[in-house]
C-alpha atoms as a PDB file:
ATOM      1  CA  MET A   1     201.786  -4.074 -27.888  1.00  0.00           C
ATOM      2  CA  LYS A   2     198.287  -5.009 -29.053  1.00  0.00           C
ATOM      3  CA  ILE A   3     195.834  -2.441 -30.463  1.00  0.00           C
ATOM      4  CA  LEU A   4     192.130  -2.842 -31.253  1.00  0.00           C
ATOM      5  CA  ILE A   5     190.636  -0.662 -33.986  1.00  0.00           C
ATOM      6  CA  LEU A   6     186.879  -0.109 -34.245  1.00  0.00           C
ATOM      7  CA  GLU A   7     186.304   1.579 -37.602  1.00  0.00           C
ATOM      8  CA  ASP A   8     183.585   0.861 -40.172  1.00  0.00           C
ATOM      9  CA  GLU A   9     185.358   2.647 -43.043  1.00  0.00           C
ATOM     10  CA  ARG A  10     187.179  -0.408 -44.341  1.00  0.00           C
ATOM     11  CA  VAL A  11     189.763   1.432 -46.446  1.00  0.00           C
ATOM     12  CA  LEU A  12     190.723   3.628 -43.496  1.00  0.00           C
ATOM     13  CA  ALA A  13     190.781   0.664 -41.112  1.00  0.00           C
ATOM     14  CA  VAL A  14     193.101  -1.294 -43.405  1.00  0.00           C
ATOM     15  CA  SER A  15     195.389   1.722 -43.856  1.00  0.00           C
ATOM     16  CA  MET A  16     195.600   2.225 -40.086  1.00  0.00           C
ATOM     17  CA  ARG A  17     196.221  -1.463 -39.442  1.00  0.00           C
ATOM     18  CA  GLU A  18     198.962  -1.790 -42.064  1.00  0.00           C
ATOM     19  CA  TYR A  19     200.671   1.407 -40.954  1.00  0.00           C
ATOM     20  CA  LEU A  20     200.643   0.505 -37.244  1.00  0.00           C
ATOM     21  CA  GLU A  21     201.783  -3.047 -37.994  1.00  0.00           C
ATOM     22  CA  GLY A  22     204.679  -1.493 -39.883  1.00  0.00           C
ATOM     23  CA  CYS A  23     205.500   0.405 -36.685  1.00  0.00           C
ATOM     24  CA  GLY A  24     205.726  -2.877 -34.799  1.00  0.00           C
ATOM     25  CA  TYR A  25     202.258  -3.068 -33.213  1.00  0.00           C
ATOM     26  CA  GLU A  26     199.898  -6.038 -33.278  1.00  0.00           C
ATOM     27  CA  VAL A  27     196.566  -4.764 -34.615  1.00  0.00           C
ATOM     28  CA  LEU A  28     193.078  -6.263 -34.870  1.00  0.00           C
ATOM     29  CA  CYS A  29     190.249  -4.448 -36.684  1.00  0.00           C
ATOM     30  CA  TYR A  30     186.492  -4.574 -36.162  1.00  0.00           C
ATOM     31  CA  THR A  31     183.707  -2.782 -38.030  1.00  0.00           C
ATOM     32  CA  GLN A  32     180.867  -3.260 -35.505  1.00  0.00           C
ATOM     33  CA  SER A  33     180.757  -2.314 -31.831  1.00  0.00           C
ATOM     34  CA  ASP A  34     179.218  -5.650 -30.814  1.00  0.00           C
ATOM     35  CA  SER A  35     182.094  -7.737 -32.167  1.00  0.00           C
ATOM     36  CA  ALA A  36     184.683  -5.254 -30.871  1.00  0.00           C
ATOM     37  CA  TYR A  37     183.140  -5.308 -27.385  1.00  0.00           C
ATOM     38  CA  ASP A  38     183.242  -9.108 -27.303  1.00  0.00           C
ATOM     39  CA  ALA A  39     186.835  -9.150 -28.571  1.00  0.00           C
ATOM     40  CA  ILE A  40     187.973  -6.910 -25.720  1.00  0.00           C
ATOM     41  CA  TYR A  41     186.818  -9.555 -23.255  1.00  0.00           C
ATOM     42  CA  GLU A  42     188.280 -12.440 -25.212  1.00  0.00           C
ATOM     43  CA  GLN A  43     191.835 -11.096 -25.026  1.00  0.00           C
ATOM     44  CA  SER A  44     193.786  -8.218 -23.538  1.00  0.00           C
ATOM     45  CA  TYR A  45     194.580  -5.036 -25.470  1.00  0.00           C
ATOM     46  CA  ASP A  46     196.972  -2.196 -24.681  1.00  0.00           C
ATOM     47  CA  LEU A  47     195.064   0.504 -26.587  1.00  0.00           C
ATOM     48  CA  LEU A  48     191.641   1.006 -28.179  1.00  0.00           C
ATOM     49  CA  LEU A  49     191.175   3.191 -31.288  1.00  0.00           C
ATOM     50  CA  LEU A  50     187.442   3.807 -31.541  1.00  0.00           C
ATOM     51  CA  ASP A  51     185.299   5.474 -34.168  1.00  0.00           C
ATOM     52  CA  VAL A  52     182.110   7.000 -32.707  1.00  0.00           C
ATOM     53  CA  LYS A  53     179.517   6.412 -35.446  1.00  0.00           C
ATOM     54  CA  VAL A  54     179.700   2.672 -36.023  1.00  0.00           C
ATOM     55  CA  PRO A  55     177.173  -0.125 -36.648  1.00  0.00           C
ATOM     56  CA  GLY A  56     176.018  -2.157 -33.658  1.00  0.00           C
ATOM     57  CA  ASP A  57     173.954  -1.838 -30.510  1.00  0.00           C
ATOM     58  CA  LEU A  58     176.337   0.774 -29.086  1.00  0.00           C
ATOM     59  CA  ASN A  59     178.131   3.712 -30.647  1.00  0.00           C
ATOM     60  CA  GLY A  60     181.761   4.384 -29.737  1.00  0.00           C
ATOM     61  CA  PHE A  61     180.883   6.648 -26.810  1.00  0.00           C
ATOM     62  CA  GLU A  62     178.414   4.169 -25.365  1.00  0.00           C
ATOM     63  CA  MET A  63     180.782   1.249 -25.766  1.00  0.00           C
ATOM     64  CA  LEU A  64     183.597   2.969 -23.891  1.00  0.00           C
ATOM     65  CA  GLU A  65     181.181   4.080 -21.174  1.00  0.00           C
ATOM     66  CA  GLN A  66     180.108   0.474 -20.699  1.00  0.00           C
ATOM     67  CA  LEU A  67     183.702  -0.744 -20.641  1.00  0.00           C
ATOM     68  CA  ARG A  68     184.568   1.760 -17.924  1.00  0.00           C
ATOM     69  CA  LYS A  69     181.516   0.681 -15.902  1.00  0.00           C
ATOM     70  CA  ASP A  70     182.744  -2.895 -16.267  1.00  0.00           C
ATOM     71  CA  GLY A  71     186.083  -1.855 -14.794  1.00  0.00           C
ATOM     72  CA  ASN A  72     188.066  -2.004 -18.033  1.00  0.00           C
ATOM     73  CA  LYS A  73     190.900   0.558 -17.868  1.00  0.00           C
ATOM     74  CA  THR A  74     192.400   0.094 -21.340  1.00  0.00           C
ATOM     75  CA  PRO A  75     193.492   3.505 -22.720  1.00  0.00           C
ATOM     76  CA  ALA A  76     191.292   4.667 -25.595  1.00  0.00           C
ATOM     77  CA  ILE A  77     191.514   7.238 -28.389  1.00  0.00           C
ATOM     78  CA  PHE A  78     188.460   8.331 -30.366  1.00  0.00           C
ATOM     79  CA  ILE A  79     188.868   8.665 -34.127  1.00  0.00           C
ATOM     80  CA  THR A  80     186.004  10.746 -35.435  1.00  0.00           C
ATOM     81  CA  SER A  81     184.793  13.470 -37.760  1.00  0.00           C
ATOM     82  CA  LEU A  82     182.800  15.054 -34.903  1.00  0.00           C
ATOM     83  CA  THR A  83     184.015  18.555 -34.088  1.00  0.00           C
ATOM     84  CA  ASP A  84     181.425  19.956 -31.674  1.00  0.00           C
ATOM     85  CA  ILE A  85     182.920  20.846 -28.275  1.00  0.00           C
ATOM     86  CA  GLU A  86     180.107  18.960 -26.518  1.00  0.00           C
ATOM     87  CA  ASP A  87     181.035  15.792 -28.415  1.00  0.00           C
ATOM     88  CA  LEU A  88     184.678  16.265 -27.496  1.00  0.00           C
ATOM     89  CA  SER A  89     183.756  16.789 -23.850  1.00  0.00           C
ATOM     90  CA  ARG A  90     181.614  13.656 -23.823  1.00  0.00           C
ATOM     91  CA  GLY A  91     184.507  11.632 -25.165  1.00  0.00           C
ATOM     92  CA  TYR A  92     186.728  12.639 -22.280  1.00  0.00           C
ATOM     93  CA  GLU A  93     183.907  12.072 -19.803  1.00  0.00           C
ATOM     94  CA  CYS A  94     183.566   8.540 -21.186  1.00  0.00           C
ATOM     95  CA  GLY A  95     187.180   7.929 -20.260  1.00  0.00           C
ATOM     96  CA  ALA A  96     189.057   8.571 -23.522  1.00  0.00           C
ATOM     97  CA  CYS A  97     192.628   9.800 -23.458  1.00  0.00           C
ATOM     98  CA  ASP A  98     192.643  11.666 -26.736  1.00  0.00           C
ATOM     99  CA  TYR A  99     190.891  12.481 -30.024  1.00  0.00           C
ATOM    100  CA  ILE A 100     192.075  12.207 -33.607  1.00  0.00           C
ATOM    101  CA  ARG A 101     189.951  14.152 -36.046  1.00  0.00           C
ATOM    102  CA  LYS A 102     189.242  12.836 -39.529  1.00  0.00           C
ATOM    103  CA  PRO A 103     190.833  13.274 -41.955  1.00  0.00           C
ATOM    104  CA  PHE A 104     194.286  12.752 -40.457  1.00  0.00           C
ATOM    105  CA  ASP A 105     197.779  11.839 -41.535  1.00  0.00           C
ATOM    106  CA  LEU A 106     198.968   8.388 -40.482  1.00  0.00           C
ATOM    107  CA  ALA A 107     202.087   9.964 -39.009  1.00  0.00           C
ATOM    108  CA  GLU A 108     199.804  11.880 -36.620  1.00  0.00           C
ATOM    109  CA  LEU A 109     198.146   8.590 -35.658  1.00  0.00           C
ATOM    110  CA  LYS A 110     201.529   7.144 -34.755  1.00  0.00           C
ATOM    111  CA  LEU A 111     202.420  10.169 -32.628  1.00  0.00           C
ATOM    112  CA  ARG A 112     199.098  10.101 -30.781  1.00  0.00           C
ATOM    113  CA  VAL A 113     199.421   6.394 -30.074  1.00  0.00           C
ATOM    114  CA  GLU A 114     202.966   6.811 -28.786  1.00  0.00           C
ATOM    115  CA  GLN A 115     201.892   9.720 -26.590  1.00  0.00           C
ATOM    116  CA  VAL A 116     199.089   7.782 -24.923  1.00  0.00           C
ATOM    117  CA  VAL A 117     201.286   4.766 -24.348  1.00  0.00           C
ATOM    118  CA  LYS A 118     203.998   6.968 -22.875  1.00  0.00           C
ATOM    119  CA  LEU A 119     201.754   8.951 -20.568  1.00  0.00           C
ATOM    120  CA  GLN A 120     199.294   6.201 -19.584  1.00  0.00           C
ATOM    121  CA  CYS A 121     196.649   8.899 -19.271  1.00  0.00           C
ATOM    122  CA  PHE A 122     193.886   8.452 -16.761  1.00  0.00           C
ATOM    123  CA  ALA A 123     190.588   6.788 -17.503  1.00  0.00           C
ATOM    124  CA  SER A 124     187.277   7.786 -15.989  1.00  0.00           C
ATOM    125  CA  ASN A 125     187.455   5.004 -13.384  1.00  0.00           C
ATOM    126  CA  GLU A 126     190.722   6.306 -11.956  1.00  0.00           C
ATOM    127  CA  GLU A 127     189.069   8.370  -9.250  1.00  0.00           C
ATOM    128  CA  ILE A 128     191.866  10.499  -7.765  1.00  0.00           C
ATOM    129  CA  ILE A 129     194.956  11.930  -9.465  1.00  0.00           C
ATOM    130  CA  GLU A 130     197.678  13.127  -7.115  1.00  0.00           C
ATOM    131  CA  LEU A 131     199.207  16.483  -8.047  1.00  0.00           C
ATOM    132  CA  PRO A 132     202.127  18.463  -6.596  1.00  0.00           C
ATOM    133  CA  TYR A 133     201.930  20.401  -3.288  1.00  0.00           C
ATOM    134  CA  GLY A 134     199.149  18.285  -1.805  1.00  0.00           C
ATOM    135  CA  TYR A 135     196.654  18.925  -4.610  1.00  0.00           C
ATOM    136  CA  GLU A 136     194.463  16.150  -5.994  1.00  0.00           C
ATOM    137  CA  TYR A 137     192.065  15.929  -8.900  1.00  0.00           C
ATOM    138  CA  ASP A 138     188.806  13.996  -8.513  1.00  0.00           C
ATOM    139  CA  VAL A 139     188.195  12.611 -12.002  1.00  0.00           C
ATOM    140  CA  LYS A 140     184.576  11.588 -11.563  1.00  0.00           C
ATOM    141  CA  LYS A 141     183.518  14.811  -9.870  1.00  0.00           C
ATOM    142  CA  MET A 142     185.823  16.910 -12.109  1.00  0.00           C
ATOM    143  CA  LYS A 143     186.979  18.715  -8.976  1.00  0.00           C
ATOM    144  CA  LEU A 144     190.361  20.081  -7.876  1.00  0.00           C
ATOM    145  CA  LEU A 145     191.079  19.410  -4.208  1.00  0.00           C
ATOM    146  CA  LEU A 146     193.606  20.806  -1.752  1.00  0.00           C
ATOM    147  CA  ASN A 147     193.908  18.858   1.500  1.00  0.00           C
ATOM    148  CA  GLY A 148     190.491  17.365   0.789  1.00  0.00           C
ATOM    149  CA  LYS A 149     188.766  20.708   0.207  1.00  0.00           C
ATOM    150  CA  GLY A 150     187.393  21.725  -3.181  1.00  0.00           C
ATOM    151  CA  VAL A 151     188.922  24.556  -5.206  1.00  0.00           C
ATOM    152  CA  THR A 152     186.303  26.411  -7.240  1.00  0.00           C
ATOM    153  CA  LEU A 153     187.189  26.572 -10.918  1.00  0.00           C
ATOM    154  CA  ALA A 154     185.305  27.855 -13.937  1.00  0.00           C
ATOM    155  CA  LYS A 155     184.355  25.370 -16.672  1.00  0.00           C
ATOM    156  CA  THR A 156     187.150  26.463 -19.006  1.00  0.00           C
ATOM    157  CA  GLU A 157     189.705  26.386 -16.185  1.00  0.00           C
ATOM    158  CA  THR A 158     188.656  22.830 -15.367  1.00  0.00           C
ATOM    159  CA  LYS A 159     189.074  21.759 -18.990  1.00  0.00           C
ATOM    160  CA  ILE A 160     192.523  23.364 -19.106  1.00  0.00           C
ATOM    161  CA  LEU A 161     193.557  21.573 -15.928  1.00  0.00           C
ATOM    162  CA  GLU A 162     192.269  18.214 -17.187  1.00  0.00           C
ATOM    163  CA  LEU A 163     194.161  18.615 -20.450  1.00  0.00           C
ATOM    164  CA  LEU A 164     197.398  19.420 -18.603  1.00  0.00           C
ATOM    165  CA  ILE A 165     196.903  16.393 -16.356  1.00  0.00           C
ATOM    166  CA  LYS A 166     196.216  14.099 -19.319  1.00  0.00           C
ATOM    167  CA  GLN A 167     199.351  15.404 -21.019  1.00  0.00           C
ATOM    168  CA  ARG A 168     201.455  15.378 -17.853  1.00  0.00           C
ATOM    169  CA  GLY A 169     205.146  15.355 -18.557  1.00  0.00           C
ATOM    170  CA  SER A 170     204.640  17.002 -21.961  1.00  0.00           C
ATOM    171  CA  VAL A 171     204.192  20.593 -23.083  1.00  0.00           C
ATOM    172  CA  VAL A 172     200.685  21.646 -24.154  1.00  0.00           C
ATOM    173  CA  GLY A 173     200.754  24.326 -26.836  1.00  0.00           C
ATOM    174  CA  CYS A 174     198.137  26.530 -28.472  1.00  0.00           C
ATOM    175  CA  GLU A 175     197.021  23.998 -31.063  1.00  0.00           C
ATOM    176  CA  MET A 176     196.168  21.386 -28.454  1.00  0.00           C
ATOM    177  CA  PHE A 177     194.311  23.967 -26.354  1.00  0.00           C
ATOM    178  CA  TRP A 178     192.325  24.955 -29.448  1.00  0.00           C
ATOM    179  CA  GLU A 179     191.384  21.368 -30.207  1.00  0.00           C
ATOM    180  CA  GLU A 180     190.710  19.994 -26.741  1.00  0.00           C
ATOM    181  CA  VAL A 181     189.425  22.981 -24.728  1.00  0.00           C
ATOM    182  CA  TRP A 182     187.728  25.370 -27.174  1.00  0.00           C
ATOM    183  CA  GLY A 183     187.124  23.169 -30.191  1.00  0.00           C
ATOM    184  CA  GLU A 184     188.068  26.079 -32.428  1.00  0.00           C
ATOM    185  CA  TRP A 185     190.764  28.680 -32.933  1.00  0.00           C
ATOM    186  CA  VAL A 186     191.099  31.299 -30.213  1.00  0.00           C
ATOM    187  CA  ASP A 187     193.675  34.021 -29.778  1.00  0.00           C
ATOM    188  CA  SER A 188     196.756  32.908 -27.863  1.00  0.00           C
ATOM    189  CA  ALA A 189     196.246  35.881 -25.542  1.00  0.00           C
ATOM    190  CA  ASN A 190     192.908  34.377 -24.502  1.00  0.00           C
ATOM    191  CA  ILE A 191     194.663  31.117 -23.658  1.00  0.00           C
ATOM    192  CA  ARG A 192     197.223  32.972 -21.529  1.00  0.00           C
ATOM    193  CA  VAL A 193     194.443  34.801 -19.695  1.00  0.00           C
ATOM    194  CA  GLN A 194     192.520  31.601 -18.940  1.00  0.00           C
ATOM    195  CA  VAL A 195     195.634  29.744 -17.794  1.00  0.00           C
ATOM    196  CA  GLY A 196     196.532  32.797 -15.690  1.00  0.00           C
ATOM    197  CA  ASN A 197     193.094  32.758 -14.077  1.00  0.00           C
ATOM    198  CA  LEU A 198     193.570  29.097 -13.189  1.00  0.00           C
ATOM    199  CA  ARG A 199     197.025  29.710 -11.698  1.00  0.00           C
ATOM    200  CA  LYS A 200     195.713  32.553  -9.548  1.00  0.00           C
ATOM    201  CA  LYS A 201     193.426  30.062  -7.802  1.00  0.00           C
ATOM    202  CA  LEU A 202     196.346  27.848  -6.795  1.00  0.00           C
ATOM    203  CA  GLU A 203     197.958  28.564  -3.435  1.00  0.00           C
ATOM    204  CA  LYS A 204     201.086  26.893  -4.810  1.00  0.00           C
ATOM    205  CA  ASP A 205     201.377  27.072  -8.572  1.00  0.00           C
ATOM    206  CA  PHE A 206     202.299  23.695 -10.075  1.00  0.00           C
ATOM    207  CA  ILE A 207     201.729  24.741 -13.708  1.00  0.00           C
ATOM    208  CA  LYS A 208     204.990  25.464 -15.519  1.00  0.00           C
ATOM    209  CA  ASN A 209     205.294  28.041 -18.282  1.00  0.00           C
ATOM    210  CA  VAL A 210     207.577  26.680 -21.013  1.00  0.00           C
ATOM    211  CA  ARG A 211     208.564  29.851 -22.807  1.00  0.00           C
ATOM    212  CA  GLY A 212     207.579  29.966 -26.445  1.00  0.00           C
ATOM    213  CA  LEU A 213     205.976  26.508 -26.318  1.00  0.00           C
ATOM    214  CA  GLY A 214     203.143  26.368 -23.801  1.00  0.00           C
ATOM    215  CA  TYR A 215     202.456  24.908 -20.358  1.00  0.00           C
ATOM    216  CA  SER A 216     203.086  21.661 -18.522  1.00  0.00           C
ATOM    217  CA  ILE A 217     202.645  19.795 -15.253  1.00  0.00           C
ATOM    218  CA  ASP A 218     205.483  17.489 -14.214  1.00  0.00           C
ATOM    219  CA  PHE A 219     204.815  14.850 -11.548  1.00  0.00           C
END
């Protein structure tokens, strides 16, 4: 498996490369978006690890947006110090599968990489995700559909649903909800309420409650 890293902090980039190579991956590192963008078209990669604030004509967000417009579906994870919920939302809208927040432990990097490879999460150019009981999710319109008709969801409910879809087959717990939906700590009771509100809008509930762990969608 071949991984491309775009990271201008050389010490971090080298640490990531050496660690992932030790895990059996082939890794190439780039410090500028221009050279990384060209490299993606010179050879095929299985995963992109992208910093957001990097030298070059495009930042990480812009580069992934352009790749998706070009039809490139390579799974991507953003590695960034950005913590604002709007930045996190933009990353997913660009077509990223996941975020890793700096600073991070290299063991976490390995787990995140393995998770994305395992799940093959959807990119922004995968237009329709089929769900159980005739439901579908329109990725570009961020809309839940049942038999072709839209199901009205609140913004937070939509983010919860997208996270569960991205992590399909795995259990999503409180920590991941904090990071990916709210961008900060919230009471677990609030999470239960919001998930409950989402489930009430489903004629057939396809969200599973894994007691003591969280929620999942299996399909």
